[in-house]
């Protein structure tokens, strides 16, 4: 895969890695198995990233999404 780990190892690491929601709650992707999940990595100094937040909020509204954000 070019990143030094096989696909199964990478998938397991992503499922088990603890993420923090916007409201500060800890969660793992594995806990959301079976749900549609959008994970967005961004930085406050990144202008295109900040613009993208509005699109993500619109997606959440359009799909009736729940969760952080």
C-alpha atoms as a PDB file:
ATOM      1  CA  UNK A   1       0.000   0.000   0.000  1.00  0.00           C
ATOM      2  CA  UNK A   2       3.039   2.277   0.112  1.00  0.00           C
ATOM      3  CA  UNK A   3       2.487   3.422   3.705  1.00  0.00           C
ATOM      4  CA  UNK A   4       4.363   0.647   5.469  1.00  0.00           C
ATOM      5  CA  UNK A   5       1.280  -1.305   6.581  1.00  0.00           C
ATOM      6  CA  UNK A   6      -1.055  -3.730   4.891  1.00  0.00           C
ATOM      7  CA  UNK A   7      -4.692  -2.769   4.296  1.00  0.00           C
ATOM      8  CA  UNK A   8      -6.076  -4.894   7.140  1.00  0.00           C
ATOM      9  CA  UNK A   9      -3.679  -3.332   9.652  1.00  0.00           C
ATOM     10  CA  UNK A  10      -4.555   0.147   8.458  1.00  0.00           C
ATOM     11  CA  UNK A  11      -8.303  -0.523   8.650  1.00  0.00           C
ATOM     12  CA  UNK A  12      -7.987  -1.924  12.175  1.00  0.00           C
ATOM     13  CA  UNK A  13      -5.946   1.087  13.295  1.00  0.00           C
ATOM     14  CA  UNK A  14      -8.550   3.492  11.906  1.00  0.00           C
ATOM     15  CA  UNK A  15     -11.448   1.617  13.521  1.00  0.00           C
ATOM     16  CA  UNK A  16      -9.725   1.522  16.919  1.00  0.00           C
ATOM     17  CA  UNK A  17      -8.236   5.031  16.959  1.00  0.00           C
ATOM     18  CA  UNK A  18      -9.981   7.336  19.427  1.00  0.00           C
ATOM     19  CA  UNK A  19     -11.412  10.478  17.863  1.00  0.00           C
ATOM     20  CA  UNK A  20     -12.866  13.505  19.594  1.00  0.00           C
ATOM     21  CA  UNK A  21     -16.161  15.008  18.459  1.00  0.00           C
ATOM     22  CA  UNK A  22     -16.698  18.750  18.306  1.00  0.00           C
ATOM     23  CA  UNK A  23     -18.442  18.585  21.672  1.00  0.00           C
ATOM     24  CA  UNK A  24     -15.405  16.860  23.204  1.00  0.00           C
ATOM     25  CA  UNK A  25     -16.775  13.319  23.426  1.00  0.00           C
ATOM     26  CA  UNK A  26     -14.357  10.474  22.718  1.00  0.00           C
ATOM     27  CA  UNK A  27     -15.430   7.857  20.189  1.00  0.00           C
ATOM     28  CA  UNK A  28     -14.041   5.256  17.839  1.00  0.00           C
ATOM     29  CA  UNK A  29     -15.060   4.636  14.265  1.00  0.00           C
ATOM     30  CA  UNK A  30     -15.692   1.024  15.219  1.00  0.00           C
ATOM     31  CA  UNK A  31     -18.477   2.214  17.551  1.00  0.00           C
ATOM     32  CA  UNK A  32     -20.162   3.746  14.497  1.00  0.00           C
ATOM     33  CA  UNK A  33     -20.038   0.552  12.412  1.00  0.00           C
ATOM     34  CA  UNK A  34     -23.002   0.353  10.059  1.00  0.00           C
ATOM     35  CA  UNK A  35     -23.472   4.136  10.022  1.00  0.00           C
ATOM     36  CA  UNK A  36     -22.449   6.529   7.282  1.00  0.00           C
ATOM     37  CA  UNK A  37     -19.519   8.490   8.676  1.00  0.00           C
ATOM     38  CA  UNK A  38     -17.708  11.536   7.317  1.00  0.00           C
ATOM     39  CA  UNK A  39     -14.356  12.250   8.946  1.00  0.00           C
ATOM     40  CA  UNK A  40     -12.870  15.608   8.034  1.00  0.00           C
ATOM     41  CA  UNK A  41      -9.351  16.632   8.995  1.00  0.00           C
ATOM     42  CA  UNK A  42      -8.887  20.366   8.906  1.00  0.00           C
ATOM     43  CA  UNK A  43      -6.948  23.247  10.433  1.00  0.00           C
ATOM     44  CA  UNK A  44      -8.218  26.618  11.631  1.00  0.00           C
ATOM     45  CA  UNK A  45      -5.584  28.426   9.540  1.00  0.00           C
ATOM     46  CA  UNK A  46      -6.673  26.652   6.334  1.00  0.00           C
ATOM     47  CA  UNK A  47      -9.030  28.931   4.379  1.00  0.00           C
ATOM     48  CA  UNK A  48     -10.330  26.169   2.046  1.00  0.00           C
ATOM     49  CA  UNK A  49     -10.901  23.983   5.129  1.00  0.00           C
ATOM     50  CA  UNK A  50     -13.001  26.672   6.806  1.00  0.00           C
ATOM     51  CA  UNK A  51     -15.083  27.120   3.650  1.00  0.00           C
ATOM     52  CA  UNK A  52     -15.647  23.375   3.565  1.00  0.00           C
ATOM     53  CA  UNK A  53     -17.320  23.431   7.006  1.00  0.00           C
ATOM     54  CA  UNK A  54     -20.356  25.184   5.540  1.00  0.00           C
ATOM     55  CA  UNK A  55     -20.688  22.453   2.916  1.00  0.00           C
ATOM     56  CA  UNK A  56     -20.438  19.768   5.576  1.00  0.00           C
ATOM     57  CA  UNK A  57     -23.132  21.485   7.642  1.00  0.00           C
ATOM     58  CA  UNK A  58     -25.363  21.618   4.544  1.00  0.00           C
ATOM     59  CA  UNK A  59     -24.742  17.907   3.926  1.00  0.00           C
ATOM     60  CA  UNK A  60     -25.713  17.134   7.509  1.00  0.00           C
ATOM     61  CA  UNK A  61     -28.929  19.128   7.147  1.00  0.00           C
ATOM     62  CA  UNK A  62     -29.770  17.613   3.759  1.00  0.00           C
ATOM     63  CA  UNK A  63     -29.303  14.051   5.007  1.00  0.00           C
ATOM     64  CA  UNK A  64     -30.885  14.539   8.417  1.00  0.00           C
ATOM     65  CA  UNK A  65     -27.510  13.704   9.928  1.00  0.00           C
ATOM     66  CA  UNK A  66     -26.790  13.659  13.609  1.00  0.00           C
ATOM     67  CA  UNK A  67     -23.634  13.863  15.663  1.00  0.00           C
ATOM     68  CA  UNK A  68     -20.886  16.368  16.118  1.00  0.00           C
ATOM     69  CA  UNK A  69     -20.905  19.458  14.039  1.00  0.00           C
END
